[in-house]
């Protein structure tokens, strides 16, 4: 579970960086979609960690809030480029 969470968190960071380096909106959007998917992949892993007692409630809530914020930030650029 730890390895999968590490891979997913690295993936969304790397895809945001790569998307920001792209010149064309369609390319940027593609990488932001992958990044958002990786961020969303972290959510059930955090839920499982909480359920197993590996995360305290407050820490879990903070991480979940941050992932929600990341998802919202990634959705904004994709909406702006869609039209």
Protein backbone atom coordinates (compact mmCIF):
# COMPACT_ATOMS: atom_id res chain seq x y z
CA UNK A 1 0.00 0.00 0.00
CA UNK A 2 2.84 2.39 0.83
CA UNK A 3 4.54 1.72 -2.50
CA UNK A 4 1.32 2.32 -4.42
CA UNK A 5 0.69 5.58 -2.56
CA UNK A 6 4.25 6.69 -3.27
CA UNK A 7 3.90 5.85 -6.98
CA UNK A 8 0.56 7.68 -7.27
CA UNK A 9 1.81 10.79 -5.47
CA UNK A 10 4.97 10.87 -7.58
CA UNK A 11 2.87 10.39 -10.72
CA UNK A 12 0.61 13.37 -10.09
CA UNK A 13 3.57 15.60 -9.26
CA UNK A 14 5.52 14.52 -12.34
CA UNK A 15 2.51 14.86 -14.66
CA UNK A 16 1.75 18.37 -13.39
CA UNK A 17 5.34 19.35 -14.07
CA UNK A 18 5.34 17.77 -17.51
CA UNK A 19 1.96 19.31 -18.37
CA UNK A 20 3.21 22.75 -17.41
CA UNK A 21 6.11 22.28 -19.79
CA UNK A 22 3.87 21.65 -22.79
CA UNK A 23 3.13 24.44 -25.24
CA UNK A 24 -0.17 23.18 -26.59
CA UNK A 25 -3.33 23.22 -24.48
CA UNK A 26 -4.34 19.75 -25.63
CA UNK A 27 -1.02 18.30 -24.43
CA UNK A 28 -1.27 20.17 -21.12
CA UNK A 29 -4.80 18.90 -20.58
CA UNK A 30 -3.71 15.32 -21.26
CA UNK A 31 -1.04 15.44 -18.55
CA UNK A 32 -3.34 17.25 -16.10
CA UNK A 33 -5.94 14.49 -16.61
CA UNK A 34 -3.35 11.86 -15.78
CA UNK A 35 -2.25 13.88 -12.73
CA UNK A 36 -5.83 14.22 -11.52
CA UNK A 37 -6.36 10.48 -11.91
CA UNK A 38 -3.25 9.79 -9.87
CA UNK A 39 -4.38 12.20 -7.15
CA UNK A 40 -7.78 10.48 -7.06
CA UNK A 41 -6.00 7.11 -6.81
CA UNK A 42 -4.54 8.28 -3.50
CA UNK A 43 -7.98 8.76 -1.90
CA UNK A 44 -8.95 5.09 -1.43
CA UNK A 45 -5.41 4.29 -0.33
CA UNK A 46 -5.71 6.92 2.42
CA UNK A 47 -9.13 5.53 3.37
CA UNK A 48 -7.65 2.06 3.67
CA UNK A 49 -4.74 3.36 5.75
CA UNK A 50 -7.21 5.09 8.08
CA UNK A 51 -9.37 1.99 8.28
CA UNK A 52 -6.32 -0.11 9.21
CA UNK A 53 -5.40 2.38 11.93
CA UNK A 54 -2.26 3.60 10.18
CA UNK A 55 -3.38 7.25 10.07
CA UNK A 56 -4.90 9.36 12.79
CA UNK A 57 -8.21 11.01 11.91
CA UNK A 58 -6.82 14.55 11.87
CA UNK A 59 -3.88 13.63 9.63
CA UNK A 60 -6.17 11.68 7.30
CA UNK A 61 -8.56 14.64 7.07
CA UNK A 62 -5.67 17.00 6.27
CA UNK A 63 -4.32 14.75 3.51
CA UNK A 64 -7.82 14.22 2.07
CA UNK A 65 -8.41 17.99 2.07
CA UNK A 66 -5.14 18.55 0.22
CA UNK A 67 -6.04 15.95 -2.39
CA UNK A 68 -9.45 17.60 -2.88
CA UNK A 69 -7.67 20.93 -3.37
CA UNK A 70 -5.26 19.42 -5.88
CA UNK A 71 -8.16 17.87 -7.79
CA UNK A 72 -9.95 21.23 -7.93
CA UNK A 73 -6.79 23.03 -9.08
CA UNK A 74 -6.30 20.49 -11.85
CA UNK A 75 -9.92 20.70 -12.98
CA UNK A 76 -9.73 24.47 -13.46
CA UNK A 77 -7.10 24.50 -16.24
CA UNK A 78 -8.85 21.65 -18.03
CA UNK A 79 -12.19 23.49 -18.04
CA UNK A 80 -10.54 26.68 -19.30
CA UNK A 81 -8.86 24.83 -22.17
CA UNK A 82 -11.93 22.80 -23.18
CA UNK A 83 -13.80 25.70 -24.73
